[in-house]
């Protein structure tokens, strides 16, 4: 069956209106459940990490973000003046990259694993800590970033 341009235009208007209505009803149902809409912009690195997590877990973006936010360390969400923060490992505990590269790599791997799994620190925060401590990357560079940490973490 062939439609005229006017008939097609009418069908498209109805379809768009019904799609908007469907989206509106969905948003209302979500609000009734107590959920709140948020919007924001994130870096390409964050999107890559989020997509990798979605691929691994099969969960929606909203679910992953909610879990991440709810699992933030209590130090971030605490209103107390006495905020406890674990002391960083001593620099003397980590071998120099030139002295013994295997030991250095292993200590970096273990430290990243601990910071991610036990302390729930994001990749960028780990990089910031390593930079503050003056640690060299595995390739000998002076500056860490979230990409370095993520690429190491996914190999662990």
N, C-alpha and C. Protein backbone atom coordinates (compact mmCIF):
# COMPACT_ATOMS: atom_id res chain seq x y z
N UNK A 1 0.83 -1.16 0.00
CA UNK A 1 0.00 0.00 0.00
C UNK A 1 0.89 1.24 0.00
N UNK A 2 0.64 2.14 -0.91
CA UNK A 2 1.44 3.36 -1.03
C UNK A 2 0.72 4.51 -0.34
N UNK A 3 1.51 5.35 0.29
CA UNK A 3 0.98 6.50 1.00
C UNK A 3 1.41 7.77 0.28
N UNK A 4 0.60 8.77 0.38
CA UNK A 4 0.99 10.08 -0.16
C UNK A 4 1.93 10.73 0.85
N UNK A 5 2.57 11.78 0.42
CA UNK A 5 3.50 12.49 1.33
C UNK A 5 2.76 13.02 2.55
N UNK A 6 1.57 13.51 2.33
CA UNK A 6 0.79 14.05 3.44
C UNK A 6 0.42 12.94 4.43
N UNK A 7 0.04 11.77 3.92
CA UNK A 7 -0.30 10.65 4.80
C UNK A 7 0.92 10.18 5.60
N UNK A 8 2.06 10.13 4.91
CA UNK A 8 3.30 9.76 5.61
C UNK A 8 3.65 10.77 6.71
N UNK A 9 3.48 12.05 6.40
CA UNK A 9 3.77 13.09 7.38
C UNK A 9 2.85 12.95 8.59
N UNK A 10 1.59 12.66 8.35
CA UNK A 10 0.63 12.46 9.45
C UNK A 10 1.02 11.26 10.31
N UNK A 11 1.41 10.15 9.65
CA UNK A 11 1.82 8.94 10.38
C UNK A 11 3.04 9.24 11.26
N UNK A 12 4.00 9.99 10.69
CA UNK A 12 5.22 10.31 11.44
C UNK A 12 4.90 11.19 12.65
N UNK A 13 4.00 12.16 12.48
CA UNK A 13 3.60 13.01 13.60
C UNK A 13 2.98 12.19 14.71
N UNK A 14 2.10 11.26 14.34
CA UNK A 14 1.46 10.40 15.34
C UNK A 14 2.49 9.52 16.04
N UNK A 15 3.42 8.97 15.25
CA UNK A 15 4.44 8.10 15.82
C UNK A 15 5.33 8.88 16.80
N UNK A 16 5.74 10.09 16.40
CA UNK A 16 6.57 10.91 17.28
C UNK A 16 5.82 11.28 18.55
N UNK A 17 4.56 11.64 18.40
CA UNK A 17 3.75 12.00 19.57
C UNK A 17 3.61 10.80 20.51
N UNK A 18 3.36 9.62 19.95
CA UNK A 18 3.20 8.44 20.81
C UNK A 18 4.53 8.07 21.47
N UNK A 19 5.64 8.28 20.78
CA UNK A 19 6.96 7.99 21.35
C UNK A 19 7.25 8.96 22.51
N UNK A 20 6.93 10.23 22.32
CA UNK A 20 7.12 11.20 23.41
C UNK A 20 6.24 10.85 24.60
N UNK A 21 5.01 10.45 24.32
CA UNK A 21 4.10 10.05 25.40
C UNK A 21 4.65 8.84 26.15
N UNK A 22 5.18 7.87 25.42
CA UNK A 22 5.74 6.68 26.04
C UNK A 22 6.91 7.05 26.94
N UNK A 23 7.80 7.92 26.43
CA UNK A 23 8.94 8.36 27.24
C UNK A 23 8.48 9.12 28.48
N UNK A 24 7.47 9.97 28.31
CA UNK A 24 6.95 10.74 29.44
C UNK A 24 6.36 9.81 30.50
N UNK A 25 5.60 8.81 30.09
CA UNK A 25 5.03 7.86 31.03
C UNK A 25 6.13 7.08 31.76
N UNK A 26 7.18 6.69 31.01
CA UNK A 26 8.30 5.97 31.61
C UNK A 26 8.97 6.83 32.68
N UNK A 27 9.22 8.11 32.37
CA UNK A 27 9.84 9.01 33.35
C UNK A 27 8.98 9.16 34.60
N UNK A 28 7.67 9.28 34.40
CA UNK A 28 6.76 9.38 35.56
C UNK A 28 6.83 8.14 36.43
N UNK A 29 6.86 6.95 35.79
CA UNK A 29 6.96 5.70 36.56
C UNK A 29 8.26 5.66 37.36
N UNK A 30 9.35 6.12 36.75
CA UNK A 30 10.64 6.12 37.44
C UNK A 30 10.61 7.07 38.64
N UNK A 31 9.98 8.23 38.47
CA UNK A 31 9.88 9.19 39.57
C UNK A 31 9.03 8.62 40.70
N UNK A 32 7.96 7.87 40.34
CA UNK A 32 7.12 7.25 41.35
C UNK A 32 7.91 6.23 42.17
N UNK A 33 8.92 5.62 41.56
CA UNK A 33 9.78 4.67 42.27
C UNK A 33 10.79 5.39 43.16
N UNK A 34 10.82 6.71 43.08
CA UNK A 34 11.76 7.48 43.90
C UNK A 34 13.06 7.81 43.20
N UNK A 35 13.15 7.52 41.92
CA UNK A 35 14.38 7.80 41.17
C UNK A 35 14.38 9.25 40.70
N UNK A 36 15.57 9.81 40.57
CA UNK A 36 15.71 11.20 40.15
C UNK A 36 16.55 11.26 38.88
N UNK A 37 16.16 12.07 37.90
CA UNK A 37 16.98 12.20 36.70
C UNK A 37 18.19 13.09 36.97
N UNK A 38 19.32 12.73 36.38
CA UNK A 38 20.51 13.58 36.44
C UNK A 38 21.11 13.64 35.05
N UNK A 39 21.87 14.67 34.79
CA UNK A 39 22.55 14.80 33.51
C UNK A 39 23.95 15.31 33.77
N UNK A 40 24.88 14.92 32.94
CA UNK A 40 26.24 15.38 33.13
C UNK A 40 27.11 14.96 31.96
N UNK A 41 28.29 15.51 31.93
CA UNK A 41 29.26 15.21 30.90
C UNK A 41 30.45 14.52 31.57
N UNK A 42 30.98 13.50 30.91
CA UNK A 42 32.14 12.79 31.44
C UNK A 42 33.20 12.67 30.35
N UNK A 43 34.41 12.35 30.76
CA UNK A 43 35.52 12.23 29.82
C UNK A 43 35.39 10.97 28.97
N UNK A 44 36.16 10.93 27.89
CA UNK A 44 36.17 9.75 27.02
C UNK A 44 36.64 8.53 27.80
N UNK A 45 37.60 8.74 28.69
CA UNK A 45 38.12 7.65 29.50
C UNK A 45 37.02 7.06 30.38
N UNK A 46 36.22 7.94 30.98
CA UNK A 46 35.12 7.47 31.83
C UNK A 46 34.10 6.69 31.01
N UNK A 47 33.84 7.15 29.79
CA UNK A 47 32.89 6.44 28.91
C UNK A 47 33.43 5.07 28.55
N UNK A 48 34.74 4.98 28.25
CA UNK A 48 35.34 3.68 27.93
C UNK A 48 35.22 2.73 29.11
N UNK A 49 35.50 3.23 30.30
CA UNK A 49 35.41 2.39 31.50
C UNK A 49 33.97 1.96 31.73
N UNK A 50 33.04 2.88 31.57
CA UNK A 50 31.62 2.57 31.76
C UNK A 50 31.16 1.53 30.74
N UNK A 51 31.56 1.70 29.48
CA UNK A 51 31.18 0.72 28.45
C UNK A 51 31.78 -0.65 28.72
N UNK A 52 33.02 -0.68 29.20
CA UNK A 52 33.65 -1.96 29.54
C UNK A 52 32.88 -2.64 30.67
N UNK A 53 32.48 -1.86 31.66
CA UNK A 53 31.72 -2.40 32.79
C UNK A 53 30.36 -2.91 32.32
N UNK A 54 29.72 -2.17 31.42
CA UNK A 54 28.42 -2.60 30.88
C UNK A 54 28.57 -3.92 30.13
N UNK A 55 29.66 -4.05 29.38
CA UNK A 55 29.90 -5.27 28.61
C UNK A 55 30.14 -6.46 29.54
N UNK A 56 30.87 -6.23 30.61
CA UNK A 56 31.19 -7.30 31.55
C UNK A 56 29.96 -7.73 32.34
N UNK A 57 29.24 -6.75 32.88
CA UNK A 57 28.13 -7.06 33.79
C UNK A 57 26.78 -7.19 33.10
N UNK A 58 26.62 -6.54 31.95
CA UNK A 58 25.33 -6.54 31.26
C UNK A 58 24.31 -5.61 31.92
N UNK A 59 24.76 -4.78 32.85
CA UNK A 59 23.85 -3.86 33.54
C UNK A 59 23.72 -2.55 32.77
N UNK A 60 22.68 -1.79 33.09
CA UNK A 60 22.46 -0.51 32.44
C UNK A 60 23.40 0.54 33.00
N UNK A 61 23.56 1.62 32.25
CA UNK A 61 24.40 2.72 32.70
C UNK A 61 23.91 3.26 34.04
N UNK A 62 22.60 3.43 34.16
CA UNK A 62 22.04 3.94 35.42
C UNK A 62 22.38 3.05 36.60
N UNK A 63 22.28 1.75 36.42
CA UNK A 63 22.57 0.81 37.50
C UNK A 63 24.03 0.88 37.90
N UNK A 64 24.92 0.92 36.92
CA UNK A 64 26.36 0.98 37.20
C UNK A 64 26.70 2.27 37.94
N UNK A 65 26.17 3.40 37.46
CA UNK A 65 26.45 4.67 38.11
C UNK A 65 25.90 4.72 39.53
N UNK A 66 24.70 4.20 39.71
CA UNK A 66 24.12 4.20 41.06
C UNK A 66 24.95 3.37 42.02
N UNK A 67 25.39 2.17 41.57
CA UNK A 67 26.22 1.34 42.43
C UNK A 67 27.53 2.04 42.76
N UNK A 68 28.13 2.70 41.75
CA UNK A 68 29.39 3.39 41.98
C UNK A 68 29.22 4.52 42.98
N UNK A 69 28.14 5.27 42.86
CA UNK A 69 27.90 6.39 43.77
C UNK A 69 27.60 5.88 45.18
N UNK A 70 26.77 4.86 45.27
CA UNK A 70 26.42 4.33 46.59
C UNK A 70 27.60 3.65 47.28
N UNK A 71 28.60 3.21 46.51
CA UNK A 71 29.76 2.55 47.09
C UNK A 71 30.95 3.49 47.27
N UNK A 72 30.71 4.80 47.17
CA UNK A 72 31.79 5.75 47.42
C UNK A 72 32.27 5.55 48.85
N UNK A 73 33.57 5.73 49.08
CA UNK A 73 34.07 5.58 50.45
C UNK A 73 33.35 6.55 51.38
N UNK A 74 33.19 6.13 52.61
CA UNK A 74 32.48 6.96 53.59
C UNK A 74 33.19 8.29 53.82
N UNK A 75 34.47 8.36 53.48
CA UNK A 75 35.20 9.62 53.68
C UNK A 75 34.65 10.71 52.79
N UNK A 76 34.13 10.35 51.64
CA UNK A 76 33.60 11.35 50.72
C UNK A 76 32.21 11.80 51.17
N UNK A 77 31.40 10.85 51.61
CA UNK A 77 30.03 11.17 51.97
C UNK A 77 29.87 11.55 53.44
N UNK A 78 30.94 11.50 54.20
CA UNK A 78 30.87 11.79 55.63
C UNK A 78 30.67 13.28 55.87
N UNK A 79 29.86 13.60 56.87
CA UNK A 79 29.69 15.00 57.27
C UNK A 79 30.49 15.30 58.52
N UNK A 80 31.16 14.29 59.03
CA UNK A 80 31.94 14.44 60.24
C UNK A 80 33.20 15.26 59.97
N UNK A 81 33.64 15.98 61.00
CA UNK A 81 34.88 16.74 60.88
C UNK A 81 36.09 15.82 60.96
N UNK A 82 35.94 14.70 61.66
CA UNK A 82 37.04 13.76 61.83
C UNK A 82 36.96 12.70 60.74
N UNK A 83 37.50 13.02 59.59
CA UNK A 83 37.45 12.09 58.47
C UNK A 83 38.70 11.23 58.49
N UNK A 84 38.49 9.92 58.49
CA UNK A 84 39.59 8.98 58.50
C UNK A 84 40.00 8.68 57.07
N UNK A 85 41.28 8.76 56.80
CA UNK A 85 41.79 8.41 55.48
C UNK A 85 43.01 7.52 55.69
N UNK A 86 43.05 6.34 55.06
CA UNK A 86 44.19 5.46 55.28
C UNK A 86 45.48 6.10 54.77
N UNK A 87 46.54 5.87 55.50
CA UNK A 87 47.83 6.42 55.10
C UNK A 87 48.34 5.71 53.86
N UNK A 88 48.96 6.44 52.93
CA UNK A 88 49.50 5.79 51.74
C UNK A 88 50.71 4.93 52.10
N UNK A 89 51.00 3.97 51.24
CA UNK A 89 52.19 3.15 51.45
C UNK A 89 53.43 4.05 51.41
N UNK A 90 54.42 3.68 52.18
CA UNK A 90 55.65 4.46 52.19
C UNK A 90 56.39 4.27 50.87
N UNK A 91 57.02 5.35 50.42
CA UNK A 91 57.78 5.25 49.17
C UNK A 91 58.91 4.25 49.30
N UNK A 92 59.47 4.11 50.48
CA UNK A 92 60.57 3.18 50.66
C UNK A 92 60.12 1.73 50.49
N UNK A 93 58.82 1.46 50.62
CA UNK A 93 58.31 0.10 50.44
C UNK A 93 58.22 -0.31 48.98
N UNK A 94 58.30 0.66 48.09
CA UNK A 94 58.18 0.37 46.66
C UNK A 94 59.55 0.49 46.03
N UNK A 95 60.03 -0.60 45.41
CA UNK A 95 61.36 -0.56 44.81
C UNK A 95 61.42 0.41 43.64
N UNK A 96 62.62 0.90 43.37
CA UNK A 96 62.83 1.80 42.23
C UNK A 96 62.62 1.03 40.93
N UNK A 97 62.06 1.67 39.89
CA UNK A 97 61.84 0.96 38.64
C UNK A 97 63.14 0.49 37.98
N UNK A 98 64.25 1.21 38.23
CA UNK A 98 65.51 0.83 37.59
C UNK A 98 66.20 -0.30 38.32
N UNK A 99 66.04 -0.36 39.64
CA UNK A 99 66.72 -1.39 40.43
C UNK A 99 66.23 -2.79 40.08
N UNK A 100 64.94 -2.99 40.11
CA UNK A 100 64.40 -4.31 39.83
C UNK A 100 63.01 -4.12 39.22
N UNK A 101 62.95 -4.15 37.89
CA UNK A 101 61.70 -3.81 37.23
C UNK A 101 60.58 -4.81 37.54
N UNK A 102 60.90 -6.09 37.73
CA UNK A 102 59.85 -7.07 38.03
C UNK A 102 59.26 -6.81 39.42
N UNK A 103 60.12 -6.53 40.38
CA UNK A 103 59.63 -6.21 41.73
C UNK A 103 58.79 -4.94 41.70
N UNK A 104 59.27 -3.95 40.95
CA UNK A 104 58.56 -2.67 40.85
C UNK A 104 57.18 -2.88 40.24
N UNK A 105 57.13 -3.62 39.12
CA UNK A 105 55.84 -3.89 38.46
C UNK A 105 54.90 -4.62 39.41
N UNK A 106 55.42 -5.62 40.09
CA UNK A 106 54.59 -6.40 41.00
C UNK A 106 54.05 -5.53 42.14
N UNK A 107 54.91 -4.66 42.67
CA UNK A 107 54.45 -3.80 43.76
C UNK A 107 53.40 -2.80 43.27
N UNK A 108 53.57 -2.29 42.05
CA UNK A 108 52.58 -1.37 41.47
C UNK A 108 51.27 -2.12 41.24
N UNK A 109 51.35 -3.33 40.66
CA UNK A 109 50.14 -4.14 40.42
C UNK A 109 49.39 -4.37 41.73
N UNK A 110 50.12 -4.80 42.77
CA UNK A 110 49.49 -5.08 44.06
C UNK A 110 48.86 -3.83 44.67
N UNK A 111 49.56 -2.73 44.53
CA UNK A 111 49.05 -1.48 45.09
C UNK A 111 47.78 -1.02 44.37
N UNK A 112 47.78 -1.12 43.04
CA UNK A 112 46.59 -0.74 42.26
C UNK A 112 45.43 -1.65 42.63
N UNK A 113 45.71 -2.95 42.71
CA UNK A 113 44.66 -3.91 43.06
C UNK A 113 44.06 -3.57 44.42
N UNK A 114 44.91 -3.28 45.40
CA UNK A 114 44.43 -2.95 46.74
C UNK A 114 43.61 -1.66 46.73
N UNK A 115 44.11 -0.65 46.04
CA UNK A 115 43.43 0.64 46.02
C UNK A 115 42.07 0.56 45.33
N UNK A 116 41.97 -0.28 44.30
CA UNK A 116 40.69 -0.42 43.58
C UNK A 116 39.71 -1.28 44.37
N UNK A 117 40.17 -2.43 44.84
CA UNK A 117 39.26 -3.42 45.44
C UNK A 117 38.92 -3.12 46.89
N UNK A 118 39.91 -2.70 47.66
CA UNK A 118 39.67 -2.48 49.09
C UNK A 118 39.29 -1.04 49.41
N UNK A 119 39.95 -0.09 48.76
CA UNK A 119 39.70 1.32 49.06
C UNK A 119 38.66 1.94 48.12
N UNK A 120 38.26 1.20 47.07
CA UNK A 120 37.27 1.67 46.09
C UNK A 120 37.65 3.00 45.45
N UNK A 121 38.93 3.20 45.18
CA UNK A 121 39.37 4.45 44.57
C UNK A 121 39.22 4.38 43.05
N UNK A 122 38.78 5.46 42.43
CA UNK A 122 38.70 5.49 40.97
C UNK A 122 40.10 5.57 40.36
N UNK A 123 40.21 5.21 39.08
CA UNK A 123 41.50 5.18 38.40
C UNK A 123 42.21 6.54 38.47
N UNK A 124 41.48 7.63 38.25
CA UNK A 124 42.10 8.95 38.26
C UNK A 124 42.64 9.31 39.64
N UNK A 125 41.97 8.88 40.69
CA UNK A 125 42.42 9.16 42.06
C UNK A 125 43.72 8.39 42.35
N UNK A 126 43.79 7.15 41.88
CA UNK A 126 45.02 6.36 42.06
C UNK A 126 46.17 7.05 41.34
N UNK A 127 45.91 7.51 40.11
CA UNK A 127 46.94 8.21 39.34
C UNK A 127 47.41 9.46 40.08
N UNK A 128 46.46 10.20 40.66
CA UNK A 128 46.80 11.42 41.40
C UNK A 128 47.71 11.09 42.59
N UNK A 129 47.38 10.02 43.30
CA UNK A 129 48.19 9.61 44.46
C UNK A 129 49.59 9.22 44.00
N UNK A 130 49.69 8.43 42.93
CA UNK A 130 51.00 8.02 42.42
C UNK A 130 51.82 9.24 41.99
N UNK A 131 51.17 10.22 41.36
CA UNK A 131 51.87 11.43 40.94
C UNK A 131 52.36 12.23 42.15
N UNK A 132 51.52 12.33 43.18
CA UNK A 132 51.91 13.06 44.40
C UNK A 132 53.10 12.39 45.08
N UNK A 133 53.18 11.06 44.98
CA UNK A 133 54.27 10.33 45.61
C UNK A 133 55.52 10.29 44.73
N UNK A 134 55.39 10.77 43.49
CA UNK A 134 56.54 10.80 42.59
C UNK A 134 56.91 9.47 41.98
N UNK A 135 55.97 8.53 41.95
CA UNK A 135 56.25 7.22 41.36
C UNK A 135 56.30 7.32 39.84
N UNK A 136 57.19 6.57 39.24
CA UNK A 136 57.31 6.50 37.78
C UNK A 136 56.34 5.46 37.24
N UNK A 137 55.88 5.67 36.00
CA UNK A 137 55.03 4.67 35.36
C UNK A 137 55.89 3.46 35.01
N UNK A 138 55.26 2.40 34.57
CA UNK A 138 56.01 1.19 34.22
C UNK A 138 56.94 1.43 33.03
N UNK A 139 56.61 2.42 32.21
CA UNK A 139 57.48 2.75 31.07
C UNK A 139 58.52 3.80 31.45
N UNK A 140 58.49 4.27 32.71
CA UNK A 140 59.49 5.22 33.18
C UNK A 140 59.07 6.67 33.11
N UNK A 141 57.84 6.94 32.65
CA UNK A 141 57.36 8.32 32.59
C UNK A 141 57.12 8.85 34.00
N UNK A 142 57.12 10.17 34.11
CA UNK A 142 56.96 10.79 35.43
C UNK A 142 55.50 11.01 35.81
N UNK A 143 54.59 10.97 34.84
CA UNK A 143 53.20 11.31 35.12
C UNK A 143 52.27 10.14 34.85
N UNK A 144 51.47 9.82 35.86
CA UNK A 144 50.43 8.79 35.74
C UNK A 144 49.13 9.47 35.33
N UNK A 145 48.27 8.72 34.62
CA UNK A 145 46.90 9.19 34.40
C UNK A 145 45.97 7.98 34.52
N UNK A 146 44.69 8.24 34.49
CA UNK A 146 43.70 7.17 34.67
C UNK A 146 43.83 6.07 33.64
N UNK A 147 44.28 6.44 32.43
CA UNK A 147 44.44 5.44 31.36
C UNK A 147 45.52 4.43 31.72
N UNK A 148 46.64 4.93 32.27
CA UNK A 148 47.71 4.01 32.70
C UNK A 148 47.19 3.01 33.72
N UNK A 149 46.50 3.54 34.72
CA UNK A 149 45.99 2.69 35.80
C UNK A 149 44.98 1.69 35.26
N UNK A 150 44.06 2.15 34.41
CA UNK A 150 43.03 1.26 33.86
C UNK A 150 43.66 0.15 33.03
N UNK A 151 44.65 0.50 32.18
CA UNK A 151 45.26 -0.53 31.34
C UNK A 151 46.01 -1.57 32.18
N UNK A 152 46.60 -1.15 33.28
CA UNK A 152 47.26 -2.10 34.19
C UNK A 152 46.21 -2.93 34.92
N UNK A 153 45.16 -2.27 35.41
CA UNK A 153 44.14 -2.97 36.21
C UNK A 153 43.42 -4.05 35.41
N UNK A 154 43.16 -3.79 34.14
CA UNK A 154 42.44 -4.81 33.37
C UNK A 154 43.33 -6.03 33.07
N UNK A 155 44.65 -5.91 33.25
CA UNK A 155 45.56 -7.04 33.06
C UNK A 155 45.72 -7.87 34.33
N UNK A 156 45.31 -7.30 35.46
CA UNK A 156 45.50 -7.98 36.75
C UNK A 156 44.49 -9.10 36.88
